[in-house]
Amino acid sequence: MNQARDVWNTKVARCVSAWLLVSVLAACGGSPPPPQPGETRGFAPDLRGSRVMLLPTQLVMGIAGDPDAELQFVLTDRGREVEWIFAEEVDEILARSPAIQARTTGLPVGVFLQAEVERVGDPLYGELRRMASLMEATAILLPVMASFEANTEIEDSTPRVRFTMALIEPRTGRVMWFTIEEGEDFPPGDPRGLASAAEAVSRAMFWYIPG
């Protein structure tokens, strides 16, 4: 009996050790990195008829011009059947609702630049959920970053404007769509660089609209 119990205990110990080893290796491996320019994770759904909150660009790095104005222009032009909610409206209502702890700028979005994010957690999730509930939004388009980046595909090429974007389902925090889109090669400070990057975001998001 003692021998059988010892064998059983040994098997249990081995199983536990194996499980712990797998857990440690998974933790050390971390999450997959975010996609590279031109890559997309998730799926941009058909948003026609949806109420979509467009937040300001949270991180702006080396951009000449107004990335928020460019995004708003191209997205509303192509996504005419979307009921857009802009940050100005959200800020105005938040100012009248001081008990609601939420903001449209300065959000903790660094996690999107470190690893693949399938579902946002607190504190970001809480702020997004509260804003969406207040505005009755069914989706949130979060421009994580607009940056001026070197084009590594072509030697000695001009850097490009790059948008890092996330489309979030606010009720669950699920990231429906995450993408990094780049514009065309233009000299630094040329407004066409920013405009072309915003247009790339619009085409990728509204893939189902021709033109």
N, C-alpha and C. Protein backbone atom coordinates (compact mmCIF):
# COMPACT_ATOMS: atom_id res chain seq x y z
N MET A 1 0.83 -1.20 0.00
CA MET A 1 0.00 0.00 0.00
C MET A 1 0.87 1.25 0.00
N ASN A 2 1.90 1.25 0.86
CA ASN A 2 2.78 2.40 0.91
C ASN A 2 3.51 2.60 -0.41
N GLN A 3 3.89 1.46 -1.04
CA GLN A 3 4.58 1.57 -2.32
C GLN A 3 3.68 2.17 -3.38
N ALA A 4 2.41 1.75 -3.42
CA ALA A 4 1.46 2.29 -4.39
C ALA A 4 1.23 3.77 -4.17
N ARG A 5 1.15 4.16 -2.88
CA ARG A 5 0.95 5.57 -2.57
C ARG A 5 2.15 6.40 -3.00
N ASP A 6 3.36 5.83 -2.80
CA ASP A 6 4.56 6.54 -3.21
C ASP A 6 4.61 6.72 -4.72
N VAL A 7 4.22 5.68 -5.46
CA VAL A 7 4.19 5.78 -6.93
C VAL A 7 3.21 6.85 -7.36
N TRP A 8 2.02 6.87 -6.71
CA TRP A 8 1.00 7.88 -7.05
C TRP A 8 1.51 9.30 -6.75
N ASN A 9 2.14 9.45 -5.59
CA ASN A 9 2.66 10.76 -5.23
C ASN A 9 3.74 11.22 -6.21
N THR A 10 4.55 10.28 -6.66
CA THR A 10 5.58 10.62 -7.63
C THR A 10 4.99 11.08 -8.94
N LYS A 11 3.93 10.41 -9.39
CA LYS A 11 3.27 10.80 -10.64
C LYS A 11 2.65 12.18 -10.51
N VAL A 12 2.00 12.44 -9.37
CA VAL A 12 1.40 13.75 -9.15
C VAL A 12 2.46 14.84 -9.16
N ALA A 13 3.57 14.56 -8.46
CA ALA A 13 4.65 15.55 -8.40
C ALA A 13 5.21 15.84 -9.79
N ARG A 14 5.34 14.80 -10.60
CA ARG A 14 5.85 15.01 -11.95
C ARG A 14 4.89 15.85 -12.78
N CYS A 15 3.58 15.58 -12.64
CA CYS A 15 2.59 16.35 -13.39
C CYS A 15 2.61 17.82 -12.99
N VAL A 16 2.69 18.04 -11.68
CA VAL A 16 2.73 19.42 -11.19
C VAL A 16 3.98 20.12 -11.69
N SER A 17 5.12 19.42 -11.64
CA SER A 17 6.38 20.02 -12.10
C SER A 17 6.31 20.35 -13.58
N ALA A 18 5.72 19.45 -14.37
CA ALA A 18 5.60 19.69 -15.80
C ALA A 18 4.71 20.90 -16.07
N TRP A 19 3.60 20.99 -15.33
CA TRP A 19 2.70 22.13 -15.51
C TRP A 19 3.39 23.44 -15.16
N LEU A 20 4.16 23.43 -14.06
CA LEU A 20 4.87 24.63 -13.66
C LEU A 20 5.92 25.01 -14.69
N LEU A 21 6.60 24.02 -15.27
CA LEU A 21 7.61 24.30 -16.27
C LEU A 21 7.00 24.95 -17.50
N VAL A 22 5.85 24.41 -17.95
CA VAL A 22 5.15 24.98 -19.11
C VAL A 22 4.73 26.41 -18.82
N SER A 23 4.24 26.64 -17.60
CA SER A 23 3.79 27.98 -17.23
C SER A 23 4.95 28.96 -17.24
N VAL A 24 6.09 28.53 -16.68
CA VAL A 24 7.25 29.41 -16.64
C VAL A 24 7.75 29.72 -18.04
N LEU A 25 7.82 28.69 -18.89
CA LEU A 25 8.28 28.92 -20.25
C LEU A 25 7.35 29.85 -21.01
N ALA A 26 6.04 29.69 -20.80
CA ALA A 26 5.08 30.58 -21.46
C ALA A 26 5.25 32.01 -21.00
N ALA A 27 5.49 32.14 -19.67
CA ALA A 27 5.67 33.49 -19.13
C ALA A 27 6.93 34.13 -19.67
N CYS A 28 8.00 33.33 -19.77
CA CYS A 28 9.26 33.87 -20.28
C CYS A 28 9.15 34.22 -21.75
N GLY A 29 8.38 33.41 -22.48
CA GLY A 29 8.25 33.68 -23.90
C GLY A 29 7.48 34.95 -24.17
N GLY A 30 6.55 35.31 -23.30
CA GLY A 30 5.77 36.53 -23.47
C GLY A 30 4.76 36.39 -24.59
N SER A 31 4.09 37.49 -24.87
CA SER A 31 3.09 37.52 -25.93
C SER A 31 3.75 37.81 -27.26
N PRO A 32 3.08 37.43 -28.36
CA PRO A 32 3.63 37.75 -29.67
C PRO A 32 3.75 39.26 -29.84
N PRO A 33 4.75 39.72 -30.58
CA PRO A 33 4.92 41.16 -30.77
C PRO A 33 3.79 41.74 -31.61
N PRO A 34 3.59 43.06 -31.53
CA PRO A 34 2.56 43.68 -32.36
C PRO A 34 2.92 43.56 -33.83
N PRO A 35 1.95 43.68 -34.73
CA PRO A 35 2.24 43.52 -36.16
C PRO A 35 3.14 44.61 -36.69
N GLN A 36 3.81 44.30 -37.76
CA GLN A 36 4.68 45.26 -38.43
C GLN A 36 3.84 46.09 -39.41
N PRO A 37 4.39 47.18 -39.94
CA PRO A 37 3.64 48.00 -40.88
C PRO A 37 3.04 47.18 -42.02
N GLY A 38 1.78 47.43 -42.30
CA GLY A 38 1.09 46.72 -43.36
C GLY A 38 0.41 45.45 -42.89
N GLU A 39 0.72 44.99 -41.69
CA GLU A 39 0.08 43.79 -41.16
C GLU A 39 -1.14 44.17 -40.33
N THR A 40 -2.05 43.22 -40.23
CA THR A 40 -3.29 43.45 -39.49
C THR A 40 -3.60 42.23 -38.66
N ARG A 41 -4.12 42.45 -37.47
CA ARG A 41 -4.62 41.36 -36.63
C ARG A 41 -6.07 41.63 -36.31
N GLY A 42 -6.84 40.58 -36.31
CA GLY A 42 -8.26 40.75 -36.10
C GLY A 42 -8.96 41.09 -37.40
N PHE A 43 -10.14 41.65 -37.27
CA PHE A 43 -10.97 41.89 -38.45
C PHE A 43 -11.74 43.18 -38.27
N ALA A 44 -11.66 44.06 -39.26
CA ALA A 44 -12.43 45.30 -39.23
C ALA A 44 -13.84 44.99 -39.73
N PRO A 45 -14.83 45.03 -38.85
CA PRO A 45 -16.19 44.66 -39.25
C PRO A 45 -16.85 45.76 -40.07
N ASP A 46 -17.95 45.41 -40.67
CA ASP A 46 -18.77 46.38 -41.38
C ASP A 46 -19.44 47.28 -40.33
N LEU A 47 -19.06 48.54 -40.31
CA LEU A 47 -19.52 49.45 -39.26
C LEU A 47 -20.69 50.33 -39.70
N ARG A 48 -21.24 50.08 -40.85
CA ARG A 48 -22.35 50.90 -41.31
C ARG A 48 -23.53 50.78 -40.34
N GLY A 49 -24.01 51.94 -39.89
CA GLY A 49 -25.10 51.97 -38.92
C GLY A 49 -24.64 51.92 -37.47
N SER A 50 -23.34 51.79 -37.23
CA SER A 50 -22.81 51.71 -35.87
C SER A 50 -22.47 53.09 -35.33
N ARG A 51 -22.49 53.22 -34.01
CA ARG A 51 -22.02 54.44 -33.35
C ARG A 51 -20.57 54.21 -32.92
N VAL A 52 -19.66 54.90 -33.58
CA VAL A 52 -18.23 54.69 -33.36
C VAL A 52 -17.63 55.95 -32.75
N MET A 53 -16.98 55.79 -31.61
CA MET A 53 -16.28 56.89 -30.97
C MET A 53 -14.85 56.96 -31.50
N LEU A 54 -14.49 58.11 -32.07
CA LEU A 54 -13.14 58.33 -32.57
C LEU A 54 -12.38 59.17 -31.56
N LEU A 55 -11.42 58.55 -30.91
CA LEU A 55 -10.63 59.25 -29.89
C LEU A 55 -9.43 59.95 -30.52
N PRO A 56 -8.83 60.89 -29.80
CA PRO A 56 -7.62 61.55 -30.32
C PRO A 56 -6.44 60.59 -30.36
N THR A 57 -5.46 60.92 -31.18
CA THR A 57 -4.22 60.15 -31.22
C THR A 57 -3.51 60.31 -29.88
N GLN A 58 -3.20 59.19 -29.24
CA GLN A 58 -2.67 59.25 -27.88
C GLN A 58 -1.18 59.61 -27.85
N LEU A 59 -0.40 59.14 -28.80
CA LEU A 59 1.02 59.43 -28.85
C LEU A 59 1.36 59.98 -30.23
N VAL A 60 1.98 61.14 -30.26
CA VAL A 60 2.37 61.76 -31.53
C VAL A 60 3.88 61.96 -31.50
N MET A 61 4.58 61.32 -32.44
CA MET A 61 6.04 61.32 -32.44
C MET A 61 6.57 61.84 -33.77
N GLY A 62 7.08 63.07 -33.75
CA GLY A 62 7.76 63.62 -34.91
C GLY A 62 6.86 63.94 -36.09
N ILE A 63 5.58 64.15 -35.84
CA ILE A 63 4.63 64.42 -36.92
C ILE A 63 4.45 65.92 -37.09
N ALA A 64 4.55 66.39 -38.33
CA ALA A 64 4.22 67.77 -38.64
C ALA A 64 2.78 67.81 -39.15
N GLY A 65 1.91 68.54 -38.47
CA GLY A 65 0.51 68.57 -38.85
C GLY A 65 -0.36 68.01 -37.75
N ASP A 66 -1.64 67.89 -38.05
CA ASP A 66 -2.64 67.45 -37.07
C ASP A 66 -3.16 66.07 -37.47
N PRO A 67 -2.65 65.00 -36.86
CA PRO A 67 -3.11 63.66 -37.24
C PRO A 67 -4.59 63.44 -36.97
N ASP A 68 -5.12 64.06 -35.93
CA ASP A 68 -6.54 63.87 -35.61
C ASP A 68 -7.44 64.48 -36.69
N ALA A 69 -7.06 65.66 -37.17
CA ALA A 69 -7.85 66.30 -38.22
C ALA A 69 -7.82 65.48 -39.51
N GLU A 70 -6.65 64.93 -39.84
CA GLU A 70 -6.54 64.12 -41.05
C GLU A 70 -7.37 62.85 -40.94
N LEU A 71 -7.30 62.18 -39.79
CA LEU A 71 -8.08 60.96 -39.61
C LEU A 71 -9.57 61.26 -39.68
N GLN A 72 -9.99 62.31 -39.00
CA GLN A 72 -11.41 62.64 -38.99
C GLN A 72 -11.91 62.93 -40.41
N PHE A 73 -11.10 63.62 -41.18
CA PHE A 73 -11.51 63.98 -42.54
C PHE A 73 -11.71 62.74 -43.41
N VAL A 74 -10.68 61.87 -43.45
CA VAL A 74 -10.76 60.73 -44.37
C VAL A 74 -11.74 59.67 -43.89
N LEU A 75 -11.84 59.48 -42.58
CA LEU A 75 -12.73 58.45 -42.06
C LEU A 75 -14.19 58.83 -42.24
N THR A 76 -14.51 60.08 -42.00
CA THR A 76 -15.91 60.50 -42.18
C THR A 76 -16.28 60.57 -43.65
N ASP A 77 -15.28 60.84 -44.50
CA ASP A 77 -15.56 60.89 -45.93
C ASP A 77 -15.88 59.50 -46.48
N ARG A 78 -15.09 58.52 -46.09
CA ARG A 78 -15.33 57.15 -46.58
C ARG A 78 -16.41 56.45 -45.77
N GLY A 79 -16.41 56.67 -44.48
CA GLY A 79 -17.39 56.00 -43.61
C GLY A 79 -18.60 56.87 -43.35
N ARG A 80 -19.28 57.27 -44.40
CA ARG A 80 -20.40 58.19 -44.27
C ARG A 80 -21.61 57.55 -43.59
N GLU A 81 -21.69 56.24 -43.63
CA GLU A 81 -22.83 55.56 -43.02
C GLU A 81 -22.57 55.18 -41.57
N VAL A 82 -21.45 55.62 -41.04
CA VAL A 82 -21.14 55.43 -39.62
C VAL A 82 -21.62 56.64 -38.84
N GLU A 83 -22.17 56.41 -37.67
CA GLU A 83 -22.56 57.51 -36.80
C GLU A 83 -21.35 57.81 -35.89
N TRP A 84 -20.60 58.82 -36.26
CA TRP A 84 -19.36 59.13 -35.57
C TRP A 84 -19.59 59.96 -34.31
N ILE A 85 -18.82 59.66 -33.30
CA ILE A 85 -18.80 60.45 -32.06
C ILE A 85 -17.38 60.96 -31.90
N PHE A 86 -17.20 62.27 -31.89
CA PHE A 86 -15.87 62.85 -31.84
C PHE A 86 -15.50 63.27 -30.42
N ALA A 87 -14.21 63.42 -30.21
CA ALA A 87 -13.69 63.69 -28.87
C ALA A 87 -14.24 64.97 -28.28
N GLU A 88 -14.46 65.97 -29.12
CA GLU A 88 -14.98 67.24 -28.61
C GLU A 88 -16.32 67.05 -27.91
N GLU A 89 -17.17 66.23 -28.51
CA GLU A 89 -18.48 65.95 -27.90
C GLU A 89 -18.32 65.18 -26.60
N VAL A 90 -17.42 64.21 -26.61
CA VAL A 90 -17.19 63.40 -25.41
C VAL A 90 -16.65 64.27 -24.28
N ASP A 91 -15.67 65.12 -24.59
CA ASP A 91 -15.07 65.99 -23.58
C ASP A 91 -16.12 66.93 -22.98
N GLU A 92 -17.00 67.42 -23.82
CA GLU A 92 -18.04 68.33 -23.33
C GLU A 92 -18.97 67.65 -22.34
N ILE A 93 -19.34 66.43 -22.65
CA ILE A 93 -20.24 65.70 -21.74
C ILE A 93 -19.50 65.26 -20.48
N LEU A 94 -18.23 64.85 -20.63
CA LEU A 94 -17.45 64.47 -19.45
C LEU A 94 -17.28 65.65 -18.50
N ALA A 95 -17.14 66.85 -19.06
CA ALA A 95 -16.99 68.04 -18.23
C ALA A 95 -18.23 68.29 -17.39
N ARG A 96 -19.37 67.86 -17.90
CA ARG A 96 -20.62 68.03 -17.15
C ARG A 96 -20.91 66.83 -16.25
N SER A 97 -20.04 65.82 -16.31
CA SER A 97 -20.24 64.60 -15.51
C SER A 97 -18.97 64.30 -14.73
N PRO A 98 -18.61 65.13 -13.76
CA PRO A 98 -17.33 64.95 -13.05
C PRO A 98 -17.22 63.63 -12.29
N ALA A 99 -18.34 63.00 -12.00
CA ALA A 99 -18.28 61.74 -11.27
C ALA A 99 -17.78 60.59 -12.14
N ILE A 100 -17.84 60.77 -13.44
CA ILE A 100 -17.39 59.72 -14.35
C ILE A 100 -15.89 59.88 -14.59
N GLN A 101 -15.12 58.94 -14.13
CA GLN A 101 -13.67 59.00 -14.24
C GLN A 101 -13.23 58.44 -15.59
N ALA A 102 -13.08 59.35 -16.55
CA ALA A 102 -12.67 58.96 -17.89
C ALA A 102 -12.08 60.18 -18.58
N ARG A 103 -11.29 59.94 -19.61
CA ARG A 103 -10.64 61.01 -20.36
C ARG A 103 -10.42 60.52 -21.78
N THR A 104 -10.31 61.45 -22.70
CA THR A 104 -10.09 61.09 -24.09
C THR A 104 -8.62 61.12 -24.49
N THR A 105 -7.78 61.79 -23.71
CA THR A 105 -6.36 61.86 -24.01
C THR A 105 -5.55 61.35 -22.82
N GLY A 106 -4.28 61.05 -23.05
CA GLY A 106 -3.43 60.57 -21.97
C GLY A 106 -3.78 59.18 -21.49
N LEU A 107 -4.41 58.38 -22.33
CA LEU A 107 -4.80 57.02 -21.94
C LEU A 107 -3.58 56.10 -21.92
N PRO A 108 -3.58 55.08 -21.06
CA PRO A 108 -2.44 54.17 -20.96
C PRO A 108 -2.44 53.15 -22.10
N VAL A 109 -1.83 53.52 -23.22
CA VAL A 109 -1.88 52.69 -24.42
C VAL A 109 -0.55 51.99 -24.71
N GLY A 110 0.42 52.11 -23.82
CA GLY A 110 1.74 51.54 -24.06
C GLY A 110 1.74 50.05 -24.33
N VAL A 111 0.76 49.33 -23.79
CA VAL A 111 0.72 47.88 -23.97
C VAL A 111 0.59 47.51 -25.45
N PHE A 112 -0.05 48.36 -26.26
CA PHE A 112 -0.21 48.05 -27.68
C PHE A 112 1.12 48.09 -28.41
N LEU A 113 2.11 48.78 -27.86
CA LEU A 113 3.41 48.90 -28.50
C LEU A 113 4.38 47.83 -28.04
N GLN A 114 3.94 46.99 -27.10
CA GLN A 114 4.83 45.99 -26.52
C GLN A 114 4.47 44.57 -26.92
N ALA A 115 3.21 44.29 -27.16
CA ALA A 115 2.79 42.92 -27.45
C ALA A 115 1.42 42.94 -28.11
N GLU A 116 1.04 41.80 -28.63
CA GLU A 116 -0.30 41.65 -29.20
C GLU A 116 -1.33 41.74 -28.07
N VAL A 117 -2.36 42.52 -28.29
CA VAL A 117 -3.41 42.70 -27.29
C VAL A 117 -4.72 42.18 -27.85
N GLU A 118 -5.28 41.17 -27.21
CA GLU A 118 -6.55 40.63 -27.64
C GLU A 118 -7.71 41.26 -26.87
N ARG A 119 -7.43 41.68 -25.65
CA ARG A 119 -8.48 42.28 -24.82
C ARG A 119 -7.81 43.27 -23.87
N VAL A 120 -8.32 44.50 -23.83
CA VAL A 120 -7.71 45.50 -22.97
C VAL A 120 -8.18 45.30 -21.53
N GLY A 121 -7.28 45.57 -20.61
CA GLY A 121 -7.61 45.47 -19.19
C GLY A 121 -7.64 46.83 -18.54
N ASP A 122 -7.91 46.85 -17.27
CA ASP A 122 -7.91 48.09 -16.51
C ASP A 122 -6.48 48.60 -16.34
N PRO A 123 -6.30 49.91 -16.27
CA PRO A 123 -7.33 50.95 -16.16
C PRO A 123 -7.91 51.41 -17.49
N LEU A 124 -7.28 51.02 -18.61
CA LEU A 124 -7.76 51.48 -19.91
C LEU A 124 -9.19 51.01 -20.17
N TYR A 125 -9.45 49.75 -19.89
CA TYR A 125 -10.78 49.19 -20.15
C TYR A 125 -11.86 49.97 -19.42
N GLY A 126 -11.62 50.28 -18.16
CA GLY A 126 -12.62 50.99 -17.38
C GLY A 126 -12.95 52.35 -17.96
N GLU A 127 -11.93 53.08 -18.39
CA GLU A 127 -12.17 54.41 -18.95
C GLU A 127 -12.93 54.31 -20.27
N LEU A 128 -12.53 53.38 -21.12
CA LEU A 128 -13.21 53.22 -22.40
C LEU A 128 -14.65 52.79 -22.21
N ARG A 129 -14.87 51.87 -21.30
CA ARG A 129 -16.23 51.37 -21.07
C ARG A 129 -17.13 52.48 -20.55
N ARG A 130 -16.62 53.29 -19.63
CA ARG A 130 -17.44 54.37 -19.08
C ARG A 130 -17.77 55.41 -20.14
N MET A 131 -16.80 55.77 -20.97
CA MET A 131 -17.07 56.74 -22.04
C MET A 131 -18.08 56.18 -23.03
N ALA A 132 -17.90 54.93 -23.41
CA ALA A 132 -18.80 54.33 -24.39
C ALA A 132 -20.21 54.23 -23.86
N SER A 133 -20.34 53.89 -22.59
CA SER A 133 -21.67 53.81 -21.99
C SER A 133 -22.33 55.17 -21.96
N LEU A 134 -21.57 56.19 -21.65
CA LEU A 134 -22.09 57.54 -21.59
C LEU A 134 -22.57 58.01 -22.96
N MET A 135 -21.83 57.64 -24.01
CA MET A 135 -22.12 58.10 -25.37
C MET A 135 -22.92 57.09 -26.18
N GLU A 136 -23.22 55.92 -25.58
CA GLU A 136 -23.93 54.85 -26.27
C GLU A 136 -23.18 54.42 -27.53
N ALA A 137 -21.88 54.32 -27.42
CA ALA A 137 -21.05 53.90 -28.55
C ALA A 137 -20.96 52.39 -28.61
N THR A 138 -21.00 51.84 -29.81
CA THR A 138 -20.88 50.40 -29.98
C THR A 138 -19.46 49.97 -30.31
N ALA A 139 -18.60 50.93 -30.67
CA ALA A 139 -17.20 50.63 -30.96
C ALA A 139 -16.37 51.88 -30.69
N ILE A 140 -15.10 51.67 -30.38
CA ILE A 140 -14.17 52.78 -30.15
C ILE A 140 -12.98 52.61 -31.07
N LEU A 141 -12.71 53.63 -31.87
CA LEU A 141 -11.51 53.63 -32.69
C LEU A 141 -10.45 54.43 -31.96
N LEU A 142 -9.40 53.74 -31.56
CA LEU A 142 -8.35 54.33 -30.73
C LEU A 142 -7.06 54.46 -31.55
N PRO A 143 -6.71 55.67 -32.00
CA PRO A 143 -5.40 55.87 -32.62
C PRO A 143 -4.32 55.85 -31.54
N VAL A 144 -3.60 54.75 -31.45
CA VAL A 144 -2.61 54.58 -30.40
C VAL A 144 -1.44 55.53 -30.61
N MET A 145 -0.94 55.61 -31.85
CA MET A 145 0.25 56.44 -32.09
C MET A 145 0.30 56.87 -33.56
N ALA A 146 0.76 58.09 -33.76
CA ALA A 146 1.15 58.57 -35.09
C ALA A 146 2.63 58.91 -35.00
N SER A 147 3.43 58.32 -35.87
CA SER A 147 4.88 58.50 -35.76
C SER A 147 5.51 58.64 -37.14
N PHE A 148 6.71 59.17 -37.14
CA PHE A 148 7.49 59.35 -38.37
C PHE A 148 8.60 58.32 -38.33
N GLU A 149 8.53 57.33 -39.23
CA GLU A 149 9.41 56.17 -39.13
C GLU A 149 10.19 55.96 -40.42
N ALA A 150 11.39 55.43 -40.28
CA ALA A 150 12.20 55.08 -41.45
C ALA A 150 11.57 53.91 -42.18
N ASN A 151 11.64 53.92 -43.49
CA ASN A 151 11.15 52.82 -44.31
C ASN A 151 12.29 51.82 -44.48
N THR A 152 12.24 50.74 -43.72
CA THR A 152 13.32 49.77 -43.71
C THR A 152 13.32 48.88 -44.96
N GLU A 153 12.25 48.93 -45.76
CA GLU A 153 12.17 48.08 -46.94
C GLU A 153 13.03 48.61 -48.08
N ILE A 154 13.26 49.91 -48.11
CA ILE A 154 14.00 50.52 -49.21
C ILE A 154 15.18 51.30 -48.64
N GLU A 155 16.36 51.00 -49.10
CA GLU A 155 17.57 51.67 -48.61
C GLU A 155 17.56 53.14 -49.02
N ASP A 156 17.95 54.00 -48.11
CA ASP A 156 18.04 55.45 -48.35
C ASP A 156 16.70 56.07 -48.74
N SER A 157 15.61 55.46 -48.33
CA SER A 157 14.30 56.02 -48.66
C SER A 157 13.90 57.07 -47.63
N THR A 158 12.89 57.85 -47.96
CA THR A 158 12.38 58.87 -47.07
C THR A 158 11.52 58.23 -45.99
N PRO A 159 11.64 58.65 -44.73
CA PRO A 159 10.76 58.11 -43.68
C PRO A 159 9.28 58.36 -44.00
N ARG A 160 8.44 57.57 -43.39
CA ARG A 160 7.01 57.63 -43.65
C ARG A 160 6.24 57.91 -42.37
N VAL A 161 5.07 58.49 -42.53
CA VAL A 161 4.15 58.64 -41.41
C VAL A 161 3.46 57.30 -41.18
N ARG A 162 3.38 56.90 -39.92
CA ARG A 162 2.81 55.60 -39.56
C ARG A 162 1.73 55.79 -38.50
N PHE A 163 0.59 55.16 -38.72
CA PHE A 163 -0.49 55.15 -37.73
C PHE A 163 -0.60 53.75 -37.12
N THR A 164 -0.68 53.70 -35.80
CA THR A 164 -0.97 52.47 -35.08
C THR A 164 -2.38 52.61 -34.51
N MET A 165 -3.28 51.70 -34.92
CA MET A 165 -4.71 51.87 -34.64
C MET A 165 -5.29 50.62 -33.99
N ALA A 166 -6.28 50.83 -33.12
CA ALA A 166 -7.01 49.71 -32.51
C ALA A 166 -8.50 50.02 -32.52
N LEU A 167 -9.29 49.05 -32.92
CA LEU A 167 -10.75 49.15 -32.87
C LEU A 167 -11.23 48.22 -31.76
N ILE A 168 -11.91 48.79 -30.78
CA ILE A 168 -12.22 48.07 -29.54
C ILE A 168 -13.72 47.97 -29.34
N GLU A 169 -14.16 46.80 -28.91
CA GLU A 169 -15.55 46.60 -28.51
C GLU A 169 -15.63 46.97 -27.03
N PRO A 170 -16.26 48.09 -26.68
CA PRO A 170 -16.14 48.63 -25.32
C PRO A 170 -16.84 47.81 -24.24
N ARG A 171 -17.83 47.04 -24.61
CA ARG A 171 -18.55 46.28 -23.58
C ARG A 171 -17.66 45.20 -22.98
N THR A 172 -16.85 44.55 -23.82
CA THR A 172 -16.01 43.46 -23.35
C THR A 172 -14.52 43.83 -23.31
N GLY A 173 -14.15 44.91 -23.99
CA GLY A 173 -12.74 45.26 -24.09
C GLY A 173 -12.00 44.50 -25.17
N ARG A 174 -12.71 43.73 -25.97
CA ARG A 174 -12.05 42.93 -27.01
C ARG A 174 -11.53 43.84 -28.12
N VAL A 175 -10.30 43.56 -28.55
CA VAL A 175 -9.71 44.29 -29.67
C VAL A 175 -10.16 43.59 -30.95
N MET A 176 -11.09 44.21 -31.64
CA MET A 176 -11.63 43.62 -32.85
C MET A 176 -10.64 43.69 -34.00
N TRP A 177 -9.87 44.77 -34.03
CA TRP A 177 -8.98 45.02 -35.16
C TRP A 177 -7.80 45.86 -34.68
N PHE A 178 -6.60 45.45 -35.07
CA PHE A 178 -5.39 46.21 -34.74
C PHE A 178 -4.52 46.26 -35.98
N THR A 179 -4.07 47.45 -36.34
CA THR A 179 -3.30 47.55 -37.57
C THR A 179 -2.25 48.65 -37.46
N ILE A 180 -1.20 48.51 -38.26
CA ILE A 180 -0.20 49.56 -38.42
C ILE A 180 -0.14 49.88 -39.90
N GLU A 181 -0.51 51.11 -40.23
CA GLU A 181 -0.58 51.54 -41.63
C GLU A 181 0.38 52.69 -41.87
N GLU A 182 1.07 52.64 -43.01
CA GLU A 182 2.02 53.69 -43.37
C GLU A 182 1.55 54.44 -44.61
N GLY A 183 1.97 55.71 -44.69
CA GLY A 183 1.71 56.50 -45.87
C GLY A 183 2.81 56.32 -46.90
N GLU A 184 2.81 57.20 -47.88
CA GLU A 184 3.80 57.14 -48.94
C GLU A 184 5.03 57.98 -48.57
N ASP A 185 6.09 57.82 -49.37
CA ASP A 185 7.32 58.56 -49.12
C ASP A 185 7.17 60.02 -49.51
N PHE A 186 7.33 60.90 -48.54
CA PHE A 186 7.33 62.33 -48.79
C PHE A 186 8.38 62.96 -47.88
N PRO A 187 8.91 64.11 -48.26
CA PRO A 187 9.90 64.78 -47.41
C PRO A 187 9.32 65.13 -46.05
N PRO A 188 10.15 65.21 -45.02
CA PRO A 188 9.66 65.60 -43.69
C PRO A 188 8.93 66.93 -43.75
N GLY A 189 7.79 66.99 -43.08
CA GLY A 189 7.01 68.22 -43.05
C GLY A 189 6.04 68.37 -44.20
N ASP A 190 6.14 67.51 -45.23
CA ASP A 190 5.21 67.57 -46.34
C ASP A 190 3.85 67.04 -45.88
N PRO A 191 2.80 67.84 -45.97
CA PRO A 191 1.50 67.40 -45.47
C PRO A 191 0.94 66.19 -46.20
N ARG A 192 1.47 65.91 -47.39
CA ARG A 192 0.98 64.74 -48.12
C ARG A 192 1.36 63.43 -47.43
N GLY A 193 2.44 63.45 -46.66
CA GLY A 193 2.82 62.23 -45.94
C GLY A 193 1.79 61.84 -44.91
N LEU A 194 1.33 62.82 -44.14
CA LEU A 194 0.31 62.55 -43.13
C LEU A 194 -1.02 62.19 -43.78
N ALA A 195 -1.38 62.90 -44.84
CA ALA A 195 -2.64 62.64 -45.52
C ALA A 195 -2.67 61.23 -46.11
N SER A 196 -1.54 60.80 -46.69
CA SER A 196 -1.51 59.47 -47.30
C SER A 196 -1.58 58.37 -46.25
N ALA A 197 -1.01 58.61 -45.07
CA ALA A 197 -1.09 57.61 -44.00
C ALA A 197 -2.52 57.51 -43.47
N ALA A 198 -3.18 58.64 -43.30
CA ALA A 198 -4.58 58.61 -42.86
C ALA A 198 -5.45 57.91 -43.89
N GLU A 199 -5.17 58.15 -45.17
CA GLU A 199 -5.94 57.49 -46.23
C GLU A 199 -5.72 55.99 -46.20
N ALA A 200 -4.51 55.55 -45.88
CA ALA A 200 -4.23 54.12 -45.77
C ALA A 200 -5.05 53.49 -44.65
N VAL A 201 -5.19 54.19 -43.53
CA VAL A 201 -6.03 53.70 -42.43
C VAL A 201 -7.47 53.57 -42.89
N SER A 202 -7.96 54.60 -43.59
CA SER A 202 -9.35 54.60 -44.04
C SER A 202 -9.63 53.44 -44.99
N ARG A 203 -8.72 53.20 -45.94
CA ARG A 203 -8.92 52.10 -46.89
C ARG A 203 -8.91 50.75 -46.19
N ALA A 204 -8.01 50.59 -45.22
CA ALA A 204 -7.94 49.31 -44.51
C ALA A 204 -9.16 49.08 -43.64
N MET A 205 -9.64 50.13 -43.01
CA MET A 205 -10.79 50.00 -42.11
C MET A 205 -12.08 49.76 -42.88
N PHE A 206 -12.25 50.51 -43.97
CA PHE A 206 -13.47 50.38 -44.76
C PHE A 206 -13.17 49.61 -46.05
N TRP A 207 -12.65 48.44 -45.88
CA TRP A 207 -12.27 47.57 -46.99
C TRP A 207 -13.47 47.21 -47.86
N TYR A 208 -14.66 47.27 -47.30
CA TYR A 208 -15.86 46.85 -48.01
C TYR A 208 -16.50 47.98 -48.83
N ILE A 209 -15.90 49.17 -48.77
CA ILE A 209 -16.41 50.30 -49.54
C ILE A 209 -15.48 50.54 -50.71
N PRO A 210 -15.97 50.44 -51.95
CA PRO A 210 -15.10 50.62 -53.11
C PRO A 210 -14.63 52.06 -53.26
N GLY A 211 -13.53 52.22 -53.98
CA GLY A 211 -13.03 53.55 -54.27
C GLY A 211 -11.84 53.94 -53.40
